[in-house]
């Protein structure tokens, strides 16, 4: 690895040209961190990445966490790093071990927990725990995320904060039944968002306005596709237009 580092530094020096003045100790240390971070992020060797993960330089450890070839053992170590930004990189990693994501659900930093909530690799039971997180931003962003399991959305749809329920009403992850239920919410802002979401879904699926009773009836009568009075679209339409 040292030979690779030396060659890389030679290439960097060639690109940069001769320095106008000798760098100070702090400047040189910063330059070395940048150079090593470049190596850590570009390396295709699991052993090298694991070695970079143990670097004293924060930027280097961040770069190791960003590497898509980072081995699980290195990411598990970095998930416990003292620096928040390093842990955030692990929480956002597309190759983060599930064990690491689960371990970070109780991270002391809400920024790390938010990243765990947004990672598609995070298991359902962990997302359920995050749906009850004390930090409102985490619950709101989780509610707005696409592909959230129904168990998680169910918890969020009953959140004590109206802002979270509004996020659920507008979320692509919310089921039609959930949107319909939120149209009877006690918060008028939640109701408004749920009605808007229902109308948008009906229009995109049926090609007609949710308030156009005659057009919806024509669609039902003509049976353009397998749609019944129990179909989700019809359920939404009935809530919006009781006379349909």
C-alpha atoms as a PDB file:
ATOM      1  CA  UNK A   1       0.000   0.000   0.000  1.00  0.00           C
ATOM      2  CA  UNK A   2       2.871   2.349   0.754  1.00  0.00           C
ATOM      3  CA  UNK A   3       4.127   2.027  -2.834  1.00  0.00           C
ATOM      4  CA  UNK A   4       0.722   3.021  -4.171  1.00  0.00           C
ATOM      5  CA  UNK A   5       0.611   6.000  -1.823  1.00  0.00           C
ATOM      6  CA  UNK A   6       4.048   7.158  -2.929  1.00  0.00           C
ATOM      7  CA  UNK A   7       3.149   6.947  -6.613  1.00  0.00           C
ATOM      8  CA  UNK A   8      -0.098   8.809  -6.019  1.00  0.00           C
ATOM      9  CA  UNK A   9       1.684  11.593  -4.174  1.00  0.00           C
ATOM     10  CA  UNK A  10       4.186  11.911  -6.993  1.00  0.00           C
ATOM     11  CA  UNK A  11       1.319  12.306  -9.470  1.00  0.00           C
ATOM     12  CA  UNK A  12      -0.368  14.899  -7.250  1.00  0.00           C
ATOM     13  CA  UNK A  13       2.864  16.890  -6.945  1.00  0.00           C
ATOM     14  CA  UNK A  14       3.363  16.768 -10.718  1.00  0.00           C
ATOM     15  CA  UNK A  15      -0.127  18.162 -11.284  1.00  0.00           C
ATOM     16  CA  UNK A  16       0.279  20.857  -8.656  1.00  0.00           C
ATOM     17  CA  UNK A  17       3.721  22.030  -9.766  1.00  0.00           C
ATOM     18  CA  UNK A  18       6.437  23.338  -7.453  1.00  0.00           C
ATOM     19  CA  UNK A  19       5.142  25.004  -4.259  1.00  0.00           C
ATOM     20  CA  UNK A  20       5.553  28.747  -3.995  1.00  0.00           C
ATOM     21  CA  UNK A  21       6.550  28.405  -0.386  1.00  0.00           C
ATOM     22  CA  UNK A  22       7.327  25.550   1.957  1.00  0.00           C
ATOM     23  CA  UNK A  23       4.118  24.423   3.711  1.00  0.00           C
ATOM     24  CA  UNK A  24       3.863  24.647   7.452  1.00  0.00           C
ATOM     25  CA  UNK A  25       3.444  21.515   9.565  1.00  0.00           C
ATOM     26  CA  UNK A  26      -0.309  21.986   9.798  1.00  0.00           C
ATOM     27  CA  UNK A  27      -0.618  22.615   6.063  1.00  0.00           C
ATOM     28  CA  UNK A  28       1.444  19.560   5.255  1.00  0.00           C
ATOM     29  CA  UNK A  29      -0.673  17.432   7.572  1.00  0.00           C
ATOM     30  CA  UNK A  30      -3.820  18.688   5.850  1.00  0.00           C
ATOM     31  CA  UNK A  31      -2.327  17.923   2.428  1.00  0.00           C
ATOM     32  CA  UNK A  32      -1.450  14.395   3.512  1.00  0.00           C
ATOM     33  CA  UNK A  33      -4.993  13.865   4.785  1.00  0.00           C
ATOM     34  CA  UNK A  34      -6.418  14.958   1.437  1.00  0.00           C
ATOM     35  CA  UNK A  35      -4.032  12.710  -0.479  1.00  0.00           C
ATOM     36  CA  UNK A  36      -4.804   9.737   1.728  1.00  0.00           C
ATOM     37  CA  UNK A  37      -8.536  10.440   1.516  1.00  0.00           C
ATOM     38  CA  UNK A  38      -8.275  10.292  -2.290  1.00  0.00           C
ATOM     39  CA  UNK A  39      -6.542   6.928  -1.981  1.00  0.00           C
ATOM     40  CA  UNK A  40      -9.075   5.609   0.530  1.00  0.00           C
ATOM     41  CA  UNK A  41     -12.035   6.518  -1.658  1.00  0.00           C
ATOM     42  CA  UNK A  42     -10.471   5.199  -4.868  1.00  0.00           C
ATOM     43  CA  UNK A  43      -8.981   1.964  -3.534  1.00  0.00           C
ATOM     44  CA  UNK A  44     -10.365  -1.329  -4.794  1.00  0.00           C
ATOM     45  CA  UNK A  45      -8.568  -3.379  -2.162  1.00  0.00           C
ATOM     46  CA  UNK A  46     -10.639  -4.359   0.908  1.00  0.00           C
ATOM     47  CA  UNK A  47      -7.448  -4.697   2.953  1.00  0.00           C
ATOM     48  CA  UNK A  48      -6.321  -1.207   1.999  1.00  0.00           C
ATOM     49  CA  UNK A  49      -9.730   0.297   2.743  1.00  0.00           C
ATOM     50  CA  UNK A  50      -9.759  -1.390   6.133  1.00  0.00           C
ATOM     51  CA  UNK A  51      -6.337   0.087   6.845  1.00  0.00           C
ATOM     52  CA  UNK A  52      -7.565   3.562   5.845  1.00  0.00           C
ATOM     53  CA  UNK A  53     -10.553   3.084   8.149  1.00  0.00           C
ATOM     54  CA  UNK A  54      -8.088   3.041  11.035  1.00  0.00           C
ATOM     55  CA  UNK A  55      -6.434   6.305  10.015  1.00  0.00           C
ATOM     56  CA  UNK A  56      -6.033   9.147  12.485  1.00  0.00           C
ATOM     57  CA  UNK A  57      -7.347  11.542   9.831  1.00  0.00           C
ATOM     58  CA  UNK A  58     -11.100  12.198   9.942  1.00  0.00           C
ATOM     59  CA  UNK A  59     -11.272  12.925   6.202  1.00  0.00           C
ATOM     60  CA  UNK A  60      -9.526   9.640   5.489  1.00  0.00           C
ATOM     61  CA  UNK A  61     -11.997   7.646   7.594  1.00  0.00           C
ATOM     62  CA  UNK A  62     -14.879   9.467   5.918  1.00  0.00           C
ATOM     63  CA  UNK A  63     -13.488   8.539   2.524  1.00  0.00           C
ATOM     64  CA  UNK A  64     -13.098   4.904   3.577  1.00  0.00           C
ATOM     65  CA  UNK A  65     -16.748   4.865   4.659  1.00  0.00           C
ATOM     66  CA  UNK A  66     -17.746   6.313   1.273  1.00  0.00           C
ATOM     67  CA  UNK A  67     -15.925   3.612  -0.678  1.00  0.00           C
ATOM     68  CA  UNK A  68     -18.536   1.244  -2.208  1.00  0.00           C
ATOM     69  CA  UNK A  69     -16.050  -1.606  -1.807  1.00  0.00           C
ATOM     70  CA  UNK A  70     -15.561  -1.040   1.903  1.00  0.00           C
ATOM     71  CA  UNK A  71     -15.634  -4.407   3.707  1.00  0.00           C
ATOM     72  CA  UNK A  72     -18.281  -4.997   6.355  1.00  0.00           C
ATOM     73  CA  UNK A  73     -15.715  -5.250   9.123  1.00  0.00           C
ATOM     74  CA  UNK A  74     -14.386  -1.776   8.329  1.00  0.00           C
ATOM     75  CA  UNK A  75     -17.885  -0.285   8.198  1.00  0.00           C
ATOM     76  CA  UNK A  76     -18.815  -1.916  11.486  1.00  0.00           C
ATOM     77  CA  UNK A  77     -15.791  -0.227  13.055  1.00  0.00           C
ATOM     78  CA  UNK A  78     -16.560   3.129  11.446  1.00  0.00           C
ATOM     79  CA  UNK A  79     -20.179   2.915  12.656  1.00  0.00           C
ATOM     80  CA  UNK A  80     -18.770   3.436  16.157  1.00  0.00           C
ATOM     81  CA  UNK A  81     -16.412   6.245  15.172  1.00  0.00           C
ATOM     82  CA  UNK A  82     -16.163   9.198  17.557  1.00  0.00           C
ATOM     83  CA  UNK A  83     -16.788  11.637  14.720  1.00  0.00           C
ATOM     84  CA  UNK A  84     -20.421  12.214  13.730  1.00  0.00           C
ATOM     85  CA  UNK A  85     -19.588  12.802  10.068  1.00  0.00           C
ATOM     86  CA  UNK A  86     -17.864   9.440   9.789  1.00  0.00           C
ATOM     87  CA  UNK A  87     -20.869   7.652  11.288  1.00  0.00           C
ATOM     88  CA  UNK A  88     -23.177   9.580   8.940  1.00  0.00           C
ATOM     89  CA  UNK A  89     -21.230   8.282   5.939  1.00  0.00           C
ATOM     90  CA  UNK A  90     -21.702   4.718   7.167  1.00  0.00           C
ATOM     91  CA  UNK A  91     -25.418   5.311   7.778  1.00  0.00           C
ATOM     92  CA  UNK A  92     -25.803   6.520   4.177  1.00  0.00           C
ATOM     93  CA  UNK A  93     -23.663   3.798   2.610  1.00  0.00           C
ATOM     94  CA  UNK A  94     -25.307   1.629  -0.025  1.00  0.00           C
ATOM     95  CA  UNK A  95     -23.286  -1.295   1.326  1.00  0.00           C
ATOM     96  CA  UNK A  96     -23.747  -0.596   5.033  1.00  0.00           C
ATOM     97  CA  UNK A  97     -24.124  -3.848   6.989  1.00  0.00           C
ATOM     98  CA  UNK A  98     -27.618  -4.244   8.401  1.00  0.00           C
ATOM     99  CA  UNK A  99     -26.009  -4.843  11.808  1.00  0.00           C
ATOM    100  CA  UNK A 100     -24.349  -1.428  11.612  1.00  0.00           C
ATOM    101  CA  UNK A 101     -27.601   0.319  10.722  1.00  0.00           C
ATOM    102  CA  UNK A 102     -29.429  -1.418  13.557  1.00  0.00           C
ATOM    103  CA  UNK A 103     -26.704  -0.425  16.004  1.00  0.00           C
ATOM    104  CA  UNK A 104     -26.992   3.238  15.007  1.00  0.00           C
ATOM    105  CA  UNK A 105     -30.737   3.499  15.671  1.00  0.00           C
ATOM    106  CA  UNK A 106     -29.862   4.807  19.136  1.00  0.00           C
ATOM    107  CA  UNK A 107     -26.949   6.980  18.019  1.00  0.00           C
ATOM    108  CA  UNK A 108     -26.595  10.103  20.149  1.00  0.00           C
ATOM    109  CA  UNK A 109     -26.632  12.271  17.015  1.00  0.00           C
ATOM    110  CA  UNK A 110     -30.009  12.890  15.370  1.00  0.00           C
ATOM    111  CA  UNK A 111     -28.134  13.509  12.107  1.00  0.00           C
ATOM    112  CA  UNK A 112     -26.888   9.934  12.136  1.00  0.00           C
ATOM    113  CA  UNK A 113     -30.310   8.525  13.007  1.00  0.00           C
ATOM    114  CA  UNK A 114     -31.841  10.531  10.167  1.00  0.00           C
ATOM    115  CA  UNK A 115     -29.402   8.964   7.700  1.00  0.00           C
ATOM    116  CA  UNK A 116     -30.294   5.513   9.020  1.00  0.00           C
ATOM    117  CA  UNK A 117     -33.975   6.332   8.444  1.00  0.00           C
ATOM    118  CA  UNK A 118     -33.256   7.291   4.832  1.00  0.00           C
ATOM    119  CA  UNK A 119     -31.127   4.241   3.987  1.00  0.00           C
ATOM    120  CA  UNK A 120     -33.110   1.685   1.915  1.00  0.00           C
ATOM    121  CA  UNK A 121     -31.127  -1.109   3.586  1.00  0.00           C
ATOM    122  CA  UNK A 122     -32.497  -0.312   7.036  1.00  0.00           C
ATOM    123  CA  UNK A 123     -34.772  -3.187   8.172  1.00  0.00           C
ATOM    124  CA  UNK A 124     -38.442  -2.650   8.946  1.00  0.00           C
ATOM    125  CA  UNK A 125     -38.173  -3.179  12.699  1.00  0.00           C
ATOM    126  CA  UNK A 126     -35.492  -0.497  12.886  1.00  0.00           C
ATOM    127  CA  UNK A 127     -37.642   1.900  10.870  1.00  0.00           C
ATOM    128  CA  UNK A 128     -40.536   1.260  13.254  1.00  0.00           C
ATOM    129  CA  UNK A 129     -38.285   2.350  16.116  1.00  0.00           C
ATOM    130  CA  UNK A 130     -37.268   5.473  14.177  1.00  0.00           C
ATOM    131  CA  UNK A 131     -40.952   6.222  13.507  1.00  0.00           C
ATOM    132  CA  UNK A 132     -41.157   6.847  17.250  1.00  0.00           C
ATOM    133  CA  UNK A 133     -37.908   8.833  17.452  1.00  0.00           C
ATOM    134  CA  UNK A 134     -38.024  11.899  19.693  1.00  0.00           C
ATOM    135  CA  UNK A 135     -36.672  14.059  16.851  1.00  0.00           C
ATOM    136  CA  UNK A 136     -39.540  15.354  14.712  1.00  0.00           C
ATOM    137  CA  UNK A 137     -37.360  15.865  11.632  1.00  0.00           C
ATOM    138  CA  UNK A 138     -36.539  12.164  11.534  1.00  0.00           C
ATOM    139  CA  UNK A 139     -40.181  11.120  11.707  1.00  0.00           C
ATOM    140  CA  UNK A 140     -41.197  13.693   9.075  1.00  0.00           C
ATOM    141  CA  UNK A 141     -38.467  12.747   6.591  1.00  0.00           C
ATOM    142  CA  UNK A 142     -39.166   9.059   7.120  1.00  0.00           C
ATOM    143  CA  UNK A 143     -42.868   9.649   6.418  1.00  0.00           C
ATOM    144  CA  UNK A 144     -41.973  11.442   3.183  1.00  0.00           C
ATOM    145  CA  UNK A 145     -39.647   8.696   1.949  1.00  0.00           C
ATOM    146  CA  UNK A 146     -40.686   6.404  -0.876  1.00  0.00           C
ATOM    147  CA  UNK A 147     -40.855   2.677  -0.278  1.00  0.00           C
ATOM    148  CA  UNK A 148     -41.524   2.807   3.478  1.00  0.00           C
ATOM    149  CA  UNK A 149     -43.176  -0.410   4.750  1.00  0.00           C
ATOM    150  CA  UNK A 150     -46.854  -0.184   5.729  1.00  0.00           C
ATOM    151  CA  UNK A 151     -46.091  -1.055   9.375  1.00  0.00           C
ATOM    152  CA  UNK A 152     -43.914   2.030   9.629  1.00  0.00           C
ATOM    153  CA  UNK A 153     -46.416   4.294   7.885  1.00  0.00           C
ATOM    154  CA  UNK A 154     -49.139   3.050  10.217  1.00  0.00           C
ATOM    155  CA  UNK A 155     -47.146   4.238  13.237  1.00  0.00           C
ATOM    156  CA  UNK A 156     -46.454   7.596  11.591  1.00  0.00           C
ATOM    157  CA  UNK A 157     -50.096   8.092  10.561  1.00  0.00           C
ATOM    158  CA  UNK A 158     -50.993   8.091  14.263  1.00  0.00           C
ATOM    159  CA  UNK A 159     -48.213  10.492  15.288  1.00  0.00           C
ATOM    160  CA  UNK A 160     -49.226  13.121  17.850  1.00  0.00           C
ATOM    161  CA  UNK A 161     -47.767  15.862  15.645  1.00  0.00           C
ATOM    162  CA  UNK A 162     -50.030  17.094  12.853  1.00  0.00           C
ATOM    163  CA  UNK A 163     -46.977  17.908  10.726  1.00  0.00           C
ATOM    164  CA  UNK A 164     -46.025  14.239  10.672  1.00  0.00           C
ATOM    165  CA  UNK A 165     -49.536  13.130   9.724  1.00  0.00           C
ATOM    166  CA  UNK A 166     -49.541  15.733   6.946  1.00  0.00           C
ATOM    167  CA  UNK A 167     -46.301  14.239   5.634  1.00  0.00           C
ATOM    168  CA  UNK A 168     -47.939  10.809   5.685  1.00  0.00           C
ATOM    169  CA  UNK A 169     -50.984  12.087   3.786  1.00  0.00           C
ATOM    170  CA  UNK A 170     -48.759  13.409   0.991  1.00  0.00           C
ATOM    171  CA  UNK A 171     -46.357  10.469   0.993  1.00  0.00           C
ATOM    172  CA  UNK A 172     -46.096   8.041  -1.942  1.00  0.00           C
ATOM    173  CA  UNK A 173     -45.670   5.308   0.681  1.00  0.00           C
ATOM    174  CA  UNK A 174     -49.121   5.894   2.195  1.00  0.00           C
ATOM    175  CA  UNK A 175     -51.779   3.418   1.122  1.00  0.00           C
ATOM    176  CA  UNK A 176     -55.085   4.593  -0.324  1.00  0.00           C
ATOM    177  CA  UNK A 177     -56.829   3.379   2.814  1.00  0.00           C
ATOM    178  CA  UNK A 178     -54.470   5.450   4.941  1.00  0.00           C
ATOM    179  CA  UNK A 179     -55.093   8.571   2.860  1.00  0.00           C
ATOM    180  CA  UNK A 180     -58.846   7.994   3.138  1.00  0.00           C
ATOM    181  CA  UNK A 181     -58.582   7.623   6.918  1.00  0.00           C
ATOM    182  CA  UNK A 182     -56.586  10.843   7.220  1.00  0.00           C
ATOM    183  CA  UNK A 183     -59.381  12.727   5.454  1.00  0.00           C
ATOM    184  CA  UNK A 184     -61.276  12.292   8.728  1.00  0.00           C
ATOM    185  CA  UNK A 185     -58.380  13.589  10.859  1.00  0.00           C
ATOM    186  CA  UNK A 186     -59.092  16.137  13.577  1.00  0.00           C
ATOM    187  CA  UNK A 187     -56.519  18.566  12.127  1.00  0.00           C
ATOM    188  CA  UNK A 188     -57.948  20.521   9.191  1.00  0.00           C
ATOM    189  CA  UNK A 189     -54.495  20.873   7.633  1.00  0.00           C
ATOM    190  CA  UNK A 190     -54.072  17.103   7.621  1.00  0.00           C
ATOM    191  CA  UNK A 191     -57.519  16.754   6.051  1.00  0.00           C
ATOM    192  CA  UNK A 192     -56.633  19.288   3.351  1.00  0.00           C
ATOM    193  CA  UNK A 193     -53.402  17.483   2.461  1.00  0.00           C
ATOM    194  CA  UNK A 194     -55.135  14.103   2.454  1.00  0.00           C
ATOM    195  CA  UNK A 195     -57.895  15.370   0.147  1.00  0.00           C
ATOM    196  CA  UNK A 196     -55.331  16.878  -2.203  1.00  0.00           C
ATOM    197  CA  UNK A 197     -53.382  13.607  -2.263  1.00  0.00           C
ATOM    198  CA  UNK A 198     -56.550  11.600  -2.924  1.00  0.00           C
ATOM    199  CA  UNK A 199     -57.599  13.897  -5.762  1.00  0.00           C
ATOM    200  CA  UNK A 200     -54.134  13.648  -7.314  1.00  0.00           C
ATOM    201  CA  UNK A 201     -54.181   9.848  -7.146  1.00  0.00           C
ATOM    202  CA  UNK A 202     -57.620   9.628  -8.729  1.00  0.00           C
ATOM    203  CA  UNK A 203     -56.683  11.994 -11.531  1.00  0.00           C
ATOM    204  CA  UNK A 204     -53.415  10.172 -12.295  1.00  0.00           C
ATOM    205  CA  UNK A 205     -55.044   6.718 -12.303  1.00  0.00           C
ATOM    206  CA  UNK A 206     -58.437   7.422 -13.827  1.00  0.00           C
ATOM    207  CA  UNK A 207     -57.625  10.427 -15.949  1.00  0.00           C
ATOM    208  CA  UNK A 208     -60.532  12.415 -14.529  1.00  0.00           C
ATOM    209  CA  UNK A 209     -61.016  14.960 -11.790  1.00  0.00           C
ATOM    210  CA  UNK A 210     -62.060  13.461  -8.457  1.00  0.00           C
ATOM    211  CA  UNK A 211     -64.953  15.936  -8.315  1.00  0.00           C
ATOM    212  CA  UNK A 212     -66.292  14.888 -11.719  1.00  0.00           C
ATOM    213  CA  UNK A 213     -69.003  12.493 -10.526  1.00  0.00           C
ATOM    214  CA  UNK A 214     -70.436  11.891 -13.987  1.00  0.00           C
ATOM    215  CA  UNK A 215     -67.060  10.987 -15.480  1.00  0.00           C
ATOM    216  CA  UNK A 216     -66.260   8.553 -12.678  1.00  0.00           C
ATOM    217  CA  UNK A 217     -69.680   6.916 -13.083  1.00  0.00           C
ATOM    218  CA  UNK A 218     -69.064   6.536 -16.813  1.00  0.00           C
ATOM    219  CA  UNK A 219     -65.764   4.832 -16.112  1.00  0.00           C
ATOM    220  CA  UNK A 220     -67.473   2.430 -13.729  1.00  0.00           C
ATOM    221  CA  UNK A 221     -70.339   1.723 -16.110  1.00  0.00           C
ATOM    222  CA  UNK A 222     -68.083   1.146 -19.094  1.00  0.00           C
ATOM    223  CA  UNK A 223     -65.717  -1.021 -17.019  1.00  0.00           C
ATOM    224  CA  UNK A 224     -62.625   0.133 -18.877  1.00  0.00           C
ATOM    225  CA  UNK A 225     -60.631  -2.178 -16.612  1.00  0.00           C
ATOM    226  CA  UNK A 226     -61.263  -4.388 -13.612  1.00  0.00           C
ATOM    227  CA  UNK A 227     -62.519  -1.735 -11.277  1.00  0.00           C
ATOM    228  CA  UNK A 228     -65.213  -2.387  -8.698  1.00  0.00           C
ATOM    229  CA  UNK A 229     -66.948  -0.272  -6.039  1.00  0.00           C
ATOM    230  CA  UNK A 230     -64.318  -1.611  -3.631  1.00  0.00           C
ATOM    231  CA  UNK A 231     -61.377  -0.506  -5.785  1.00  0.00           C
ATOM    232  CA  UNK A 232     -59.005   1.934  -4.047  1.00  0.00           C
ATOM    233  CA  UNK A 233     -59.667   4.652  -6.616  1.00  0.00           C
ATOM    234  CA  UNK A 234     -63.409   4.376  -6.106  1.00  0.00           C
ATOM    235  CA  UNK A 235     -63.004   4.424  -2.340  1.00  0.00           C
ATOM    236  CA  UNK A 236     -61.042   7.662  -2.577  1.00  0.00           C
ATOM    237  CA  UNK A 237     -63.565   9.138  -4.988  1.00  0.00           C
ATOM    238  CA  UNK A 238     -66.456   8.312  -2.679  1.00  0.00           C
ATOM    239  CA  UNK A 239     -64.799  10.083   0.204  1.00  0.00           C
ATOM    240  CA  UNK A 240     -64.226  13.161  -1.932  1.00  0.00           C
ATOM    241  CA  UNK A 241     -67.556  12.976  -3.693  1.00  0.00           C
ATOM    242  CA  UNK A 242     -70.150  11.176  -1.513  1.00  0.00           C
ATOM    243  CA  UNK A 243     -72.762  11.265  -4.300  1.00  0.00           C
ATOM    244  CA  UNK A 244     -70.728   9.180  -6.737  1.00  0.00           C
END
